Amino acid sequence: MPATDQPIVWVTGASRGIGAAVASAFAARGAHVVLTGRNISALRKKTKEIRDLGGEVSWLRCDVQEEKSVAFTCRTISRRFGAVDILVNNAGVTYFKPFDKTTVQDFDHVVGTNLRGLFLATKSVLGGMMMRKNGVIVNILSVSAITTFKNSSAYSASKAGALALSRGLRAEVRKSGVRIIDILPGAVETTMWDREERKRYHSRMMQPEDVAEIVIAAIHSPKRLLTEEIIIRPTSGDL
């Protein structure tokens, strides 16, 4: 963990699913968590939920696809709360479609959020972390980055690209004091899956809180080691 008594944690895509669970887990451990996303009502609801439990939390609207939005968000966090100690790149979207049914708009939205968004958010905090010689960037990726699934070509490409980007960055900053951690989950029960699939596979899917616990454990690992990549799947395997 960063040296500060109360780390500033920025979680993208934090209004629901894995991002919301990660935010709650950090808040429960004394961090000041900043939730960002595009759905203001959902951000407000999650913020109230965490505050009602005694956590310190704030929210800001941010579209990770937009460079100006990300830069403004990072500046606002630094000005209001302090420099970002931990960034969790969680914002992600997908369309479960065969390649020939995937439109250019679908592709741009998936890659823009999952890859470009990760790049922009990371770039916005990295300079400060390197200057302070301290900081953690956690990327919530997917086993689709390393495993072939039908009807997920755009999503898989975005996550594989994000993994390659993260591996390259980790090699560049390894001696700077900045840690880059990649989490590659299998099927997690979130709204990324439709209602019928969640109902059908509920007993087999992991829960967002499971991923959150892995994130916390990775960040709290001894400073003498770096947890680089963690693959987690449902006990019974991929769906």
Foldseek 3Di string as FASTA:
>chain_A
DDPDPAAEEEFEPQLDFLNVLLQLVSQVVRHEYEYEEADVVSNVVSCVVSVVVPGHYHYDYADLLDLVRLLVVQVVCCVPPRAHQEYELDFAAFDQAAPVPQDPVRLCVGLSRLASSLVSNCVNRVVVCLVVLHHEYEYEAACLCVDDDGSTVSNNVSRVNNLVVQVVVCVVCVPSNYAYAYEHEAAEPDVSDPPVVCVVCVVQHHYSNVVSVVVVVQVPPDPVDHHHYHYYYGPVGHD
